[in-house]
Amino acid sequence: MKLIQMTVKGISHSETQTGAYALILNEEKGNRKLPIIIGGFEAQSIAIALEQEIKPSRPLTHDLFKSLADRFDINVKQVIVHKLVDGVFYSSLICERDKIEEIIDSRTSDAIALALRYQAPIFIYDSILKKAGFTPAVSSNEKKSPVDNWIQDYVTEKTKTNVKLEDLEKLSVSKLKNLLSALLANENYEKAAQIRDEISKRKS
């Protein structure tokens, strides 16, 4: 299967949903773009890696991983986004130590945060990019570019699982369980924990 190299364009945040971010990847030799919904912590870690001039006073989790890996001569050679299931991207870190390669499963946001720190290339299968990517139209008549508008709509749509805590009591247990499944699929573990606590409270 054909692999397409991608670069990180940046991070877009939702104007309507707090804590919702989209990581935007660009096709290196083409015009297609790929948005990936990520959490706030991952967005911060990727933003710091992109900025480079910003150095946190204490190492973030991805910086700690790199320090440990460097200490034991483990190098991240590349990242491959290899699967898309129900809107969730799956990735692998291709690592090398003593000229032996190992493939490690990873969340895509974590994989890209590490790829940036190692200056490792990011690849995606062309079939996934065809399915989930888009090619922006060119227009100069809008205050926001079509890309920005499309991304805002995408982030809003993908984060509709956000529910205010005060609204949880109004939902039935079956609806809470469905919401929990959706949050876990989108790797929104913070909100998922809140739903889990509400379900546990109902059982007690």
Protein backbone atom coordinates (compact mmCIF):
# COMPACT_ATOMS: atom_id res chain seq x y z
CA MET A 1 0.00 0.00 0.00
CA LYS A 2 1.21 3.48 -0.87
CA LEU A 3 2.49 5.71 1.95
CA ILE A 4 2.14 9.49 1.75
CA GLN A 5 4.46 11.75 3.74
CA MET A 6 2.73 14.42 5.80
CA THR A 7 3.89 17.54 7.62
CA VAL A 8 2.28 19.29 10.58
CA LYS A 9 0.55 22.49 9.49
CA GLY A 10 -0.62 23.48 12.95
CA ILE A 11 -3.41 23.18 15.47
CA SER A 12 -6.89 24.67 15.20
CA HIS A 13 -9.19 25.10 18.18
CA SER A 14 -12.96 25.13 18.16
CA GLU A 15 -14.61 28.52 18.64
CA THR A 16 -17.72 26.87 20.06
CA GLN A 17 -16.40 23.85 22.00
CA THR A 18 -14.01 24.40 24.92
CA GLY A 19 -11.02 22.08 24.93
CA ALA A 20 -11.59 20.82 21.38
CA TYR A 21 -8.63 20.90 19.01
CA ALA A 22 -7.82 19.61 15.54
CA LEU A 23 -4.29 18.75 14.49
CA ILE A 24 -3.89 19.60 10.80
CA LEU A 25 -1.53 17.58 8.64
CA ASN A 26 -0.50 18.64 5.13
CA GLU A 27 0.41 16.33 2.28
CA GLU A 28 4.08 17.11 1.65
CA LYS A 29 3.88 16.75 -2.12
CA GLY A 30 0.26 17.69 -2.71
CA ASN A 31 -2.65 19.80 -1.52
CA ARG A 32 -4.58 17.37 0.65
CA LYS A 33 -5.01 18.05 4.34
CA LEU A 34 -5.97 15.77 7.19
CA PRO A 35 -7.62 16.99 10.43
CA ILE A 36 -7.28 14.82 13.54
CA ILE A 37 -9.19 15.60 16.74
CA ILE A 38 -6.86 15.67 19.76
CA GLY A 39 -7.08 16.55 23.43
CA GLY A 40 -5.88 19.71 25.13
CA PHE A 41 -2.76 18.19 26.68
CA GLU A 42 -1.64 16.71 23.37
CA ALA A 43 -2.37 20.00 21.61
CA GLN A 44 -0.16 21.81 24.13
CA SER A 45 2.65 19.28 23.75
CA ILE A 46 2.57 19.46 19.95
CA ALA A 47 2.41 23.27 20.00
CA ILE A 48 5.49 23.43 22.24
CA ALA A 49 7.36 21.05 19.93
CA LEU A 50 6.43 23.21 16.92
CA GLU A 51 7.43 26.45 18.63
CA GLN A 52 10.80 25.13 19.88
CA GLU A 53 11.67 28.48 21.48
CA ILE A 54 9.23 27.75 24.31
CA LYS A 55 10.80 25.53 26.95
CA PRO A 56 8.60 24.36 29.84
CA SER A 57 10.20 24.62 33.28
CA ARG A 58 9.68 20.90 33.78
CA PRO A 59 9.59 18.21 31.07
CA LEU A 60 6.23 17.26 29.60
CA THR A 61 5.39 13.57 29.22
CA HIS A 62 6.65 13.44 25.62
CA ASP A 63 9.88 15.21 26.61
CA LEU A 64 10.34 12.68 29.42
CA PHE A 65 9.80 9.82 26.96
CA LYS A 66 12.46 11.25 24.66
CA SER A 67 14.94 11.70 27.53
CA LEU A 68 14.48 8.08 28.59
CA ALA A 69 14.67 6.81 25.02
CA ASP A 70 17.82 8.85 24.35
CA ARG A 71 19.42 7.48 27.50
CA PHE A 72 18.94 3.94 26.23
CA ASP A 73 19.85 4.77 22.61
CA ILE A 74 16.34 4.28 21.27
CA ASN A 75 15.56 6.37 18.19
CA VAL A 76 12.13 7.09 16.71
CA LYS A 77 12.72 6.75 12.96
CA GLN A 78 9.24 7.44 11.64
CA VAL A 79 5.53 7.45 12.40
CA ILE A 80 2.91 5.67 10.30
CA VAL A 81 -0.82 6.36 10.56
CA HIS A 82 -1.98 2.92 9.52
CA LYS A 83 -5.67 2.55 10.36
CA LEU A 84 -8.92 4.52 10.65
CA VAL A 85 -11.85 2.92 12.47
CA ASP A 86 -15.05 4.81 13.39
CA GLY A 87 -13.29 8.14 13.09
CA VAL A 88 -10.33 7.11 15.29
CA PHE A 89 -6.83 7.08 13.79
CA TYR A 90 -4.33 4.39 14.79
CA SER A 91 -0.58 4.90 14.49
CA SER A 92 2.73 3.14 14.99
CA LEU A 93 6.13 4.37 16.10
CA ILE A 94 8.97 2.78 14.14
CA CYS A 95 11.83 2.71 16.64
CA GLU A 96 15.40 1.50 16.33
CA ARG A 97 17.99 0.34 18.87
CA ASP A 98 21.26 -1.40 18.03
CA LYS A 99 20.13 -1.51 14.38
CA ILE A 100 17.03 -3.53 15.36
CA GLU A 101 13.64 -2.04 14.47
CA GLU A 102 10.62 -2.33 16.73
CA ILE A 103 7.04 -1.28 15.97
CA ILE A 104 5.16 0.26 18.90
CA ASP A 105 1.43 0.98 18.88
CA SER A 106 0.57 4.58 19.74
CA ARG A 107 -2.21 7.12 19.78
CA THR A 108 -1.75 9.36 16.76
CA SER A 109 -1.47 12.53 18.84
CA ASP A 110 1.31 11.00 20.97
CA ALA A 111 3.09 9.61 17.91
CA ILE A 112 3.15 13.01 16.22
CA ALA A 113 4.26 14.79 19.41
CA LEU A 114 7.23 12.41 19.49
CA ALA A 115 7.88 12.62 15.74
CA LEU A 116 8.28 16.38 16.07
CA ARG A 117 10.77 15.96 18.91
CA TYR A 118 12.79 13.45 16.89
CA GLN A 119 12.33 15.31 13.60
CA ALA A 120 11.04 11.98 12.29
CA PRO A 121 8.92 11.79 9.12
CA ILE A 122 5.17 11.16 9.38
CA PHE A 123 3.46 8.87 6.88
CA ILE A 124 -0.13 7.83 6.23
CA TYR A 125 -1.58 5.26 3.89
CA ASP A 126 -3.03 6.85 0.78
CA SER A 127 -6.29 4.94 1.26
CA ILE A 128 -6.80 6.63 4.66
CA LEU A 129 -5.94 10.06 3.29
CA LYS A 130 -8.45 9.58 0.46
CA LYS A 131 -11.12 8.66 2.99
CA ALA A 132 -10.52 11.27 5.70
CA GLY A 133 -8.56 14.05 4.00
CA PHE A 134 -9.77 16.98 1.95
CA THR A 135 -8.48 19.41 -0.65
CA PRO A 136 -9.39 23.03 0.18
CA ALA A 137 -10.99 25.25 -2.40
CA VAL A 138 -9.29 28.56 -3.18
CA SER A 139 -11.21 31.73 -2.44
CA SER A 140 -10.24 35.30 -1.56
CA ASN A 141 -13.73 36.64 -0.83
CA GLU A 142 -14.02 35.27 2.70
CA LYS A 143 -12.54 36.70 5.90
CA LYS A 144 -11.75 33.14 6.90
CA SER A 145 -10.26 30.74 4.41
CA PRO A 146 -12.34 27.74 3.32
CA VAL A 147 -9.83 25.61 5.24
CA ASP A 148 -10.53 27.47 8.50
CA ASN A 149 -14.29 27.26 7.96
CA TRP A 150 -14.14 23.57 7.15
CA ILE A 151 -11.95 22.83 10.17
CA GLN A 152 -14.27 24.73 12.51
CA ASP A 153 -17.23 22.71 11.24
CA TYR A 154 -15.23 19.50 11.54
CA VAL A 155 -14.10 20.15 15.12
CA THR A 156 -17.63 21.10 16.17
CA GLU A 157 -19.12 18.00 14.57
CA LYS A 158 -16.52 15.63 16.02
CA THR A 159 -16.83 17.03 19.55
CA LYS A 160 -20.59 16.91 19.89
CA THR A 161 -20.05 14.36 22.65
CA ASN A 162 -19.23 17.28 24.97
CA VAL A 163 -21.93 17.50 27.62
CA LYS A 164 -22.14 19.87 30.57
CA LEU A 165 -21.87 18.15 33.93
CA GLU A 166 -25.19 19.56 35.09
CA ASP A 167 -26.89 17.90 32.10
CA LEU A 168 -25.68 14.39 32.96
CA GLU A 169 -28.37 13.89 35.59
CA LYS A 170 -31.01 14.30 32.88
CA LEU A 171 -29.68 11.36 30.85
CA SER A 172 -30.72 7.74 31.32
CA VAL A 173 -28.11 5.11 32.19
CA SER A 174 -28.35 3.63 28.69
CA LYS A 175 -27.69 7.04 27.11
CA LEU A 176 -24.80 7.61 29.50
CA LYS A 177 -23.30 4.29 28.44
CA ASN A 178 -23.64 5.22 24.76
CA LEU A 179 -21.99 8.58 25.47
CA LEU A 180 -19.21 6.83 27.38
CA SER A 181 -18.53 4.55 24.41
CA ALA A 182 -18.39 7.54 22.06
CA LEU A 183 -15.99 9.43 24.34
CA LEU A 184 -13.70 6.42 24.65
CA ALA A 185 -13.71 5.96 20.86
CA ASN A 186 -12.62 9.60 20.51
CA GLU A 187 -10.02 9.09 23.27
CA ASN A 188 -11.61 11.83 25.40
CA TYR A 189 -10.68 10.16 28.66
CA GLU A 190 -11.28 13.16 30.91
CA LYS A 191 -14.95 13.42 29.92
CA ALA A 192 -15.25 9.64 29.88
CA ALA A 193 -14.18 9.54 33.54
CA GLN A 194 -16.93 12.02 34.41
CA ILE A 195 -19.53 9.87 32.67
CA ARG A 196 -18.18 6.75 34.39
CA ASP A 197 -18.49 8.47 37.78
CA GLU A 198 -22.08 9.44 37.03
CA ILE A 199 -22.94 5.85 36.07
CA SER A 200 -21.28 4.55 39.27
CA LYS A 201 -23.21 7.07 41.34
CA ARG A 202 -26.50 5.77 39.89
CA LYS A 203 -25.57 2.19 40.84
CA SER A 204 -24.68 3.02 44.45
